[in-house]
């Protein structure tokens, strides 16, 4: 059976808020990759030191996530910042698999062909996509490669997007490796300029 090629557009929610994992997992990743002192410096630069003592338990303002990514680039070497963000994305995926994605859904996935797994997974997260794009908008194309396009919101079309893109890449890649195909790799493309910059993630497993 051929893959579906029509795009499903997901409207963003009006509130510019993002799930707290974007901050909590960045804390964990920074500690693992650059150490506690450097992690504290990043959070201090972002004006978010209070989250180290009391991690957020609810949705956070997307601007706080953007400040955290800017601070990572200001304090760390670019590769360190991107490595930490990618790891934070992987940790977010691990959390979602453990706490948010129903176990019966996960158990049935291995019995289905990859193209169908991808389509079902995208359908499952469709209603909740706003939790990771804030005021932006996301579009899915469930073909091969699966295409995830994010426009606006935390995507600003600036060099600091590199940290955000590493976070998304780590999260998407780990989720697809766990639920769709172990060989999935995320490849990022930047498209669009000006008022609403856009980034595109191609998720490939062949």
C-alpha atoms as a PDB file:
ATOM      1  CA  UNK A   1       0.000   0.000   0.000  1.00  0.00           C
ATOM      2  CA  UNK A   2       1.355   3.443  -0.842  1.00  0.00           C
ATOM      3  CA  UNK A   3       2.025   6.053   1.804  1.00  0.00           C
ATOM      4  CA  UNK A   4      -0.407   8.888   2.297  1.00  0.00           C
ATOM      5  CA  UNK A   5       0.916  12.147   0.890  1.00  0.00           C
ATOM      6  CA  UNK A   6      -1.688  14.712   1.891  1.00  0.00           C
ATOM      7  CA  UNK A   7      -0.750  17.131   4.651  1.00  0.00           C
ATOM      8  CA  UNK A   8      -2.686  17.451   7.896  1.00  0.00           C
ATOM      9  CA  UNK A   9      -2.530  21.002   9.177  1.00  0.00           C
ATOM     10  CA  UNK A  10      -2.611  21.484  12.931  1.00  0.00           C
ATOM     11  CA  UNK A  11      -3.716  24.932  14.125  1.00  0.00           C
ATOM     12  CA  UNK A  12      -1.829  26.383  17.053  1.00  0.00           C
ATOM     13  CA  UNK A  13      -3.453  27.254  20.353  1.00  0.00           C
ATOM     14  CA  UNK A  14      -3.766  30.973  21.150  1.00  0.00           C
ATOM     15  CA  UNK A  15      -1.763  30.726  24.383  1.00  0.00           C
ATOM     16  CA  UNK A  16       1.984  30.867  23.702  1.00  0.00           C
ATOM     17  CA  UNK A  17       2.947  28.138  26.140  1.00  0.00           C
ATOM     18  CA  UNK A  18       5.087  25.026  25.864  1.00  0.00           C
ATOM     19  CA  UNK A  19       5.330  21.866  27.948  1.00  0.00           C
ATOM     20  CA  UNK A  20       7.673  22.077  30.962  1.00  0.00           C
ATOM     21  CA  UNK A  21       9.892  19.289  29.622  1.00  0.00           C
ATOM     22  CA  UNK A  22      11.592  21.899  27.428  1.00  0.00           C
ATOM     23  CA  UNK A  23      13.084  23.329  30.624  1.00  0.00           C
ATOM     24  CA  UNK A  24      13.240  20.319  32.947  1.00  0.00           C
ATOM     25  CA  UNK A  25      15.059  18.069  30.461  1.00  0.00           C
ATOM     26  CA  UNK A  26      17.430  20.868  29.455  1.00  0.00           C
ATOM     27  CA  UNK A  27      18.458  21.070  33.114  1.00  0.00           C
ATOM     28  CA  UNK A  28      19.136  17.322  33.150  1.00  0.00           C
ATOM     29  CA  UNK A  29      21.005  17.373  29.834  1.00  0.00           C
ATOM     30  CA  UNK A  30      23.192  20.339  30.745  1.00  0.00           C
ATOM     31  CA  UNK A  31      24.166  18.691  34.019  1.00  0.00           C
ATOM     32  CA  UNK A  32      25.148  15.513  32.191  1.00  0.00           C
ATOM     33  CA  UNK A  33      27.042  17.170  29.349  1.00  0.00           C
ATOM     34  CA  UNK A  34      28.682  20.305  30.783  1.00  0.00           C
ATOM     35  CA  UNK A  35      28.255  19.904  34.556  1.00  0.00           C
ATOM     36  CA  UNK A  36      26.274  21.591  37.312  1.00  0.00           C
ATOM     37  CA  UNK A  37      28.216  24.851  37.409  1.00  0.00           C
ATOM     38  CA  UNK A  38      27.821  25.482  33.679  1.00  0.00           C
ATOM     39  CA  UNK A  39      24.154  24.511  33.900  1.00  0.00           C
ATOM     40  CA  UNK A  40      23.617  27.084  36.640  1.00  0.00           C
ATOM     41  CA  UNK A  41      25.389  29.708  34.529  1.00  0.00           C
ATOM     42  CA  UNK A  42      23.068  29.031  31.601  1.00  0.00           C
ATOM     43  CA  UNK A  43      19.929  29.242  33.723  1.00  0.00           C
ATOM     44  CA  UNK A  44      21.229  32.394  35.441  1.00  0.00           C
ATOM     45  CA  UNK A  45      21.919  34.008  32.061  1.00  0.00           C
ATOM     46  CA  UNK A  46      18.334  33.196  31.058  1.00  0.00           C
ATOM     47  CA  UNK A  47      16.896  34.559  34.314  1.00  0.00           C
ATOM     48  CA  UNK A  48      15.512  31.116  35.145  1.00  0.00           C
ATOM     49  CA  UNK A  49      17.560  30.027  38.155  1.00  0.00           C
ATOM     50  CA  UNK A  50      14.368  29.516  40.152  1.00  0.00           C
ATOM     51  CA  UNK A  51      13.513  26.525  37.966  1.00  0.00           C
ATOM     52  CA  UNK A  52      16.578  24.661  39.215  1.00  0.00           C
ATOM     53  CA  UNK A  53      15.160  24.684  42.748  1.00  0.00           C
ATOM     54  CA  UNK A  54      11.511  24.276  41.747  1.00  0.00           C
ATOM     55  CA  UNK A  55      11.107  22.709  38.280  1.00  0.00           C
ATOM     56  CA  UNK A  56       7.940  23.838  36.470  1.00  0.00           C
ATOM     57  CA  UNK A  57       4.955  21.545  36.861  1.00  0.00           C
ATOM     58  CA  UNK A  58       2.741  23.291  34.318  1.00  0.00           C
ATOM     59  CA  UNK A  59       3.074  24.773  30.831  1.00  0.00           C
ATOM     60  CA  UNK A  60       5.677  27.544  30.570  1.00  0.00           C
ATOM     61  CA  UNK A  61       5.844  30.706  28.503  1.00  0.00           C
ATOM     62  CA  UNK A  62       7.523  29.921  25.183  1.00  0.00           C
ATOM     63  CA  UNK A  63       9.687  33.031  25.650  1.00  0.00           C
ATOM     64  CA  UNK A  64      11.328  31.377  28.666  1.00  0.00           C
ATOM     65  CA  UNK A  65      12.346  28.438  26.476  1.00  0.00           C
ATOM     66  CA  UNK A  66      13.708  30.829  23.861  1.00  0.00           C
ATOM     67  CA  UNK A  67      15.695  32.689  26.530  1.00  0.00           C
ATOM     68  CA  UNK A  68      17.118  29.397  27.782  1.00  0.00           C
ATOM     69  CA  UNK A  69      18.310  28.470  24.294  1.00  0.00           C
ATOM     70  CA  UNK A  70      19.810  31.923  23.765  1.00  0.00           C
ATOM     71  CA  UNK A  71      21.588  31.626  27.099  1.00  0.00           C
ATOM     72  CA  UNK A  72      23.001  28.212  26.216  1.00  0.00           C
ATOM     73  CA  UNK A  73      24.618  29.705  23.133  1.00  0.00           C
ATOM     74  CA  UNK A  74      25.863  32.733  25.075  1.00  0.00           C
ATOM     75  CA  UNK A  75      27.496  30.676  27.831  1.00  0.00           C
ATOM     76  CA  UNK A  76      28.588  27.486  26.070  1.00  0.00           C
ATOM     77  CA  UNK A  77      30.381  26.560  22.882  1.00  0.00           C
ATOM     78  CA  UNK A  78      27.849  26.151  20.043  1.00  0.00           C
ATOM     79  CA  UNK A  79      28.350  22.384  19.816  1.00  0.00           C
ATOM     80  CA  UNK A  80      27.925  21.979  23.571  1.00  0.00           C
ATOM     81  CA  UNK A  81      24.663  23.929  23.464  1.00  0.00           C
ATOM     82  CA  UNK A  82      23.342  21.855  20.563  1.00  0.00           C
ATOM     83  CA  UNK A  83      24.468  18.560  22.115  1.00  0.00           C
ATOM     84  CA  UNK A  84      22.696  19.444  25.360  1.00  0.00           C
ATOM     85  CA  UNK A  85      19.525  20.438  23.510  1.00  0.00           C
ATOM     86  CA  UNK A  86      19.548  17.246  21.437  1.00  0.00           C
ATOM     87  CA  UNK A  87      19.947  15.180  24.604  1.00  0.00           C
ATOM     88  CA  UNK A  88      17.148  17.161  26.261  1.00  0.00           C
ATOM     89  CA  UNK A  89      14.953  16.263  23.289  1.00  0.00           C
ATOM     90  CA  UNK A  90      15.780  12.581  23.712  1.00  0.00           C
ATOM     91  CA  UNK A  91      14.997  12.794  27.427  1.00  0.00           C
ATOM     92  CA  UNK A  92      11.686  14.466  26.623  1.00  0.00           C
ATOM     93  CA  UNK A  93      10.827  11.607  24.274  1.00  0.00           C
ATOM     94  CA  UNK A  94      11.721   9.086  26.980  1.00  0.00           C
ATOM     95  CA  UNK A  95       9.429  10.889  29.417  1.00  0.00           C
ATOM     96  CA  UNK A  96       6.566  10.956  26.913  1.00  0.00           C
ATOM     97  CA  UNK A  97       6.962   7.246  26.212  1.00  0.00           C
ATOM     98  CA  UNK A  98       6.946   6.461  29.925  1.00  0.00           C
ATOM     99  CA  UNK A  99       4.210   8.841  31.089  1.00  0.00           C
ATOM    100  CA  UNK A 100       2.105  10.212  28.245  1.00  0.00           C
ATOM    101  CA  UNK A 101       1.833   7.763  25.349  1.00  0.00           C
ATOM    102  CA  UNK A 102      -0.562   4.915  26.282  1.00  0.00           C
ATOM    103  CA  UNK A 103       1.098   1.542  26.747  1.00  0.00           C
ATOM    104  CA  UNK A 104      -1.552  -0.380  24.720  1.00  0.00           C
ATOM    105  CA  UNK A 105      -0.812   1.939  21.798  1.00  0.00           C
ATOM    106  CA  UNK A 106       2.917   1.281  22.151  1.00  0.00           C
ATOM    107  CA  UNK A 107       2.414  -2.491  22.357  1.00  0.00           C
ATOM    108  CA  UNK A 108       0.422  -2.726  19.139  1.00  0.00           C
ATOM    109  CA  UNK A 109       2.868  -0.680  17.050  1.00  0.00           C
ATOM    110  CA  UNK A 110       5.467  -3.440  16.392  1.00  0.00           C
ATOM    111  CA  UNK A 111       2.820  -5.527  14.621  1.00  0.00           C
ATOM    112  CA  UNK A 112       2.147  -2.837  12.005  1.00  0.00           C
ATOM    113  CA  UNK A 113       4.170  -1.742   8.962  1.00  0.00           C
ATOM    114  CA  UNK A 114       6.280   1.410   9.521  1.00  0.00           C
ATOM    115  CA  UNK A 115       4.183   3.634   7.227  1.00  0.00           C
ATOM    116  CA  UNK A 116       1.067   2.802   9.255  1.00  0.00           C
ATOM    117  CA  UNK A 117       2.861   3.242  12.558  1.00  0.00           C
ATOM    118  CA  UNK A 118       3.925   6.715  11.423  1.00  0.00           C
ATOM    119  CA  UNK A 119       0.411   7.670  10.368  1.00  0.00           C
ATOM    120  CA  UNK A 120      -1.162   6.431  13.618  1.00  0.00           C
ATOM    121  CA  UNK A 121       1.460   8.145  15.742  1.00  0.00           C
ATOM    122  CA  UNK A 122       1.025  11.482  13.972  1.00  0.00           C
ATOM    123  CA  UNK A 123      -2.747  11.165  14.353  1.00  0.00           C
ATOM    124  CA  UNK A 124      -2.284  10.471  18.065  1.00  0.00           C
ATOM    125  CA  UNK A 125      -0.186  13.583  18.711  1.00  0.00           C
ATOM    126  CA  UNK A 126      -2.151  15.836  16.371  1.00  0.00           C
ATOM    127  CA  UNK A 127      -4.365  17.305  19.079  1.00  0.00           C
ATOM    128  CA  UNK A 128      -1.420  17.948  21.394  1.00  0.00           C
ATOM    129  CA  UNK A 129       1.043  19.392  18.906  1.00  0.00           C
ATOM    130  CA  UNK A 130       0.575  22.914  20.264  1.00  0.00           C
ATOM    131  CA  UNK A 131       2.261  21.827  23.499  1.00  0.00           C
ATOM    132  CA  UNK A 132       5.643  21.807  21.765  1.00  0.00           C
ATOM    133  CA  UNK A 133       5.236  24.637  19.223  1.00  0.00           C
ATOM    134  CA  UNK A 134       3.602  27.272  21.439  1.00  0.00           C
ATOM    135  CA  UNK A 135       2.256  30.079  19.255  1.00  0.00           C
ATOM    136  CA  UNK A 136       3.645  28.423  16.136  1.00  0.00           C
ATOM    137  CA  UNK A 137       1.889  26.076  13.739  1.00  0.00           C
ATOM    138  CA  UNK A 138       2.901  22.553  12.765  1.00  0.00           C
ATOM    139  CA  UNK A 139       2.106  20.564   9.642  1.00  0.00           C
ATOM    140  CA  UNK A 140       2.584  16.810   9.222  1.00  0.00           C
ATOM    141  CA  UNK A 141       2.984  14.908   5.958  1.00  0.00           C
ATOM    142  CA  UNK A 142       2.759  11.167   6.798  1.00  0.00           C
ATOM    143  CA  UNK A 143       4.679   9.844   3.798  1.00  0.00           C
ATOM    144  CA  UNK A 144       8.292   8.703   3.587  1.00  0.00           C
ATOM    145  CA  UNK A 145      10.121  10.619   4.679  1.00  0.00           C
ATOM    146  CA  UNK A 146       7.644  11.829   7.256  1.00  0.00           C
ATOM    147  CA  UNK A 147       7.770  15.605   7.106  1.00  0.00           C
ATOM    148  CA  UNK A 148       7.188  17.764  10.178  1.00  0.00           C
ATOM    149  CA  UNK A 149       7.103  21.489   9.414  1.00  0.00           C
ATOM    150  CA  UNK A 150       7.033  24.131  12.166  1.00  0.00           C
ATOM    151  CA  UNK A 151       6.387  27.782  11.359  1.00  0.00           C
ATOM    152  CA  UNK A 152       6.584  30.759  13.675  1.00  0.00           C
ATOM    153  CA  UNK A 153       6.319  30.543  17.428  1.00  0.00           C
ATOM    154  CA  UNK A 154       9.676  29.662  18.968  1.00  0.00           C
ATOM    155  CA  UNK A 155      11.173  29.359  15.456  1.00  0.00           C
ATOM    156  CA  UNK A 156      12.607  32.819  14.822  1.00  0.00           C
ATOM    157  CA  UNK A 157      14.750  32.406  11.721  1.00  0.00           C
ATOM    158  CA  UNK A 158      17.903  33.424  13.633  1.00  0.00           C
ATOM    159  CA  UNK A 159      21.165  31.579  14.400  1.00  0.00           C
ATOM    160  CA  UNK A 160      19.881  30.799  17.905  1.00  0.00           C
ATOM    161  CA  UNK A 161      17.293  28.499  16.322  1.00  0.00           C
ATOM    162  CA  UNK A 162      20.110  25.932  16.146  1.00  0.00           C
ATOM    163  CA  UNK A 163      19.528  24.990  19.787  1.00  0.00           C
ATOM    164  CA  UNK A 164      15.765  24.712  19.336  1.00  0.00           C
ATOM    165  CA  UNK A 165      16.223  22.580  16.216  1.00  0.00           C
ATOM    166  CA  UNK A 166      18.592  20.259  18.058  1.00  0.00           C
ATOM    167  CA  UNK A 167      15.947  19.834  20.782  1.00  0.00           C
ATOM    168  CA  UNK A 168      13.194  19.025  18.286  1.00  0.00           C
ATOM    169  CA  UNK A 169      15.499  16.689  16.353  1.00  0.00           C
ATOM    170  CA  UNK A 170      16.384  14.697  19.457  1.00  0.00           C
ATOM    171  CA  UNK A 171      12.752  14.400  20.495  1.00  0.00           C
ATOM    172  CA  UNK A 172      11.311  13.489  17.077  1.00  0.00           C
ATOM    173  CA  UNK A 173      14.103  11.057  16.285  1.00  0.00           C
ATOM    174  CA  UNK A 174      13.828   9.197  19.589  1.00  0.00           C
ATOM    175  CA  UNK A 175      10.032   8.981  19.396  1.00  0.00           C
ATOM    176  CA  UNK A 176      10.157   7.630  15.853  1.00  0.00           C
ATOM    177  CA  UNK A 177      12.936   5.189  16.708  1.00  0.00           C
ATOM    178  CA  UNK A 178      10.826   3.840  19.551  1.00  0.00           C
ATOM    179  CA  UNK A 179       7.451   3.785  17.814  1.00  0.00           C
ATOM    180  CA  UNK A 180       7.976   3.713  14.052  1.00  0.00           C
ATOM    181  CA  UNK A 181      11.397   2.367  13.020  1.00  0.00           C
ATOM    182  CA  UNK A 182      14.659   1.927  14.921  1.00  0.00           C
ATOM    183  CA  UNK A 183      16.642   3.264  11.993  1.00  0.00           C
ATOM    184  CA  UNK A 184      14.913   6.652  11.892  1.00  0.00           C
ATOM    185  CA  UNK A 185      17.107   9.709  11.533  1.00  0.00           C
ATOM    186  CA  UNK A 186      15.998  13.336  11.672  1.00  0.00           C
ATOM    187  CA  UNK A 187      17.307  15.697   8.986  1.00  0.00           C
ATOM    188  CA  UNK A 188      16.616  19.427   9.386  1.00  0.00           C
ATOM    189  CA  UNK A 189      15.890  21.895   6.595  1.00  0.00           C
ATOM    190  CA  UNK A 190      15.299  25.624   7.017  1.00  0.00           C
ATOM    191  CA  UNK A 191      12.696  27.209   4.780  1.00  0.00           C
ATOM    192  CA  UNK A 192      10.889  30.523   4.671  1.00  0.00           C
ATOM    193  CA  UNK A 193      12.084  33.928   5.739  1.00  0.00           C
ATOM    194  CA  UNK A 194      10.734  37.159   7.135  1.00  0.00           C
ATOM    195  CA  UNK A 195       7.474  37.298   9.042  1.00  0.00           C
ATOM    196  CA  UNK A 196       7.040  33.564   9.621  1.00  0.00           C
ATOM    197  CA  UNK A 197      10.238  31.512   9.334  1.00  0.00           C
ATOM    198  CA  UNK A 198       9.789  27.776   9.026  1.00  0.00           C
ATOM    199  CA  UNK A 199      11.875  24.690   9.728  1.00  0.00           C
ATOM    200  CA  UNK A 200      11.279  21.236   8.318  1.00  0.00           C
ATOM    201  CA  UNK A 201      12.263  17.874   9.786  1.00  0.00           C
ATOM    202  CA  UNK A 202      12.534  14.912   7.429  1.00  0.00           C
ATOM    203  CA  UNK A 203      12.225  11.651   9.377  1.00  0.00           C
ATOM    204  CA  UNK A 204      13.750   8.852   7.319  1.00  0.00           C
ATOM    205  CA  UNK A 205      14.237   5.144   7.968  1.00  0.00           C
ATOM    206  CA  UNK A 206      15.274   3.955   4.536  1.00  0.00           C
END
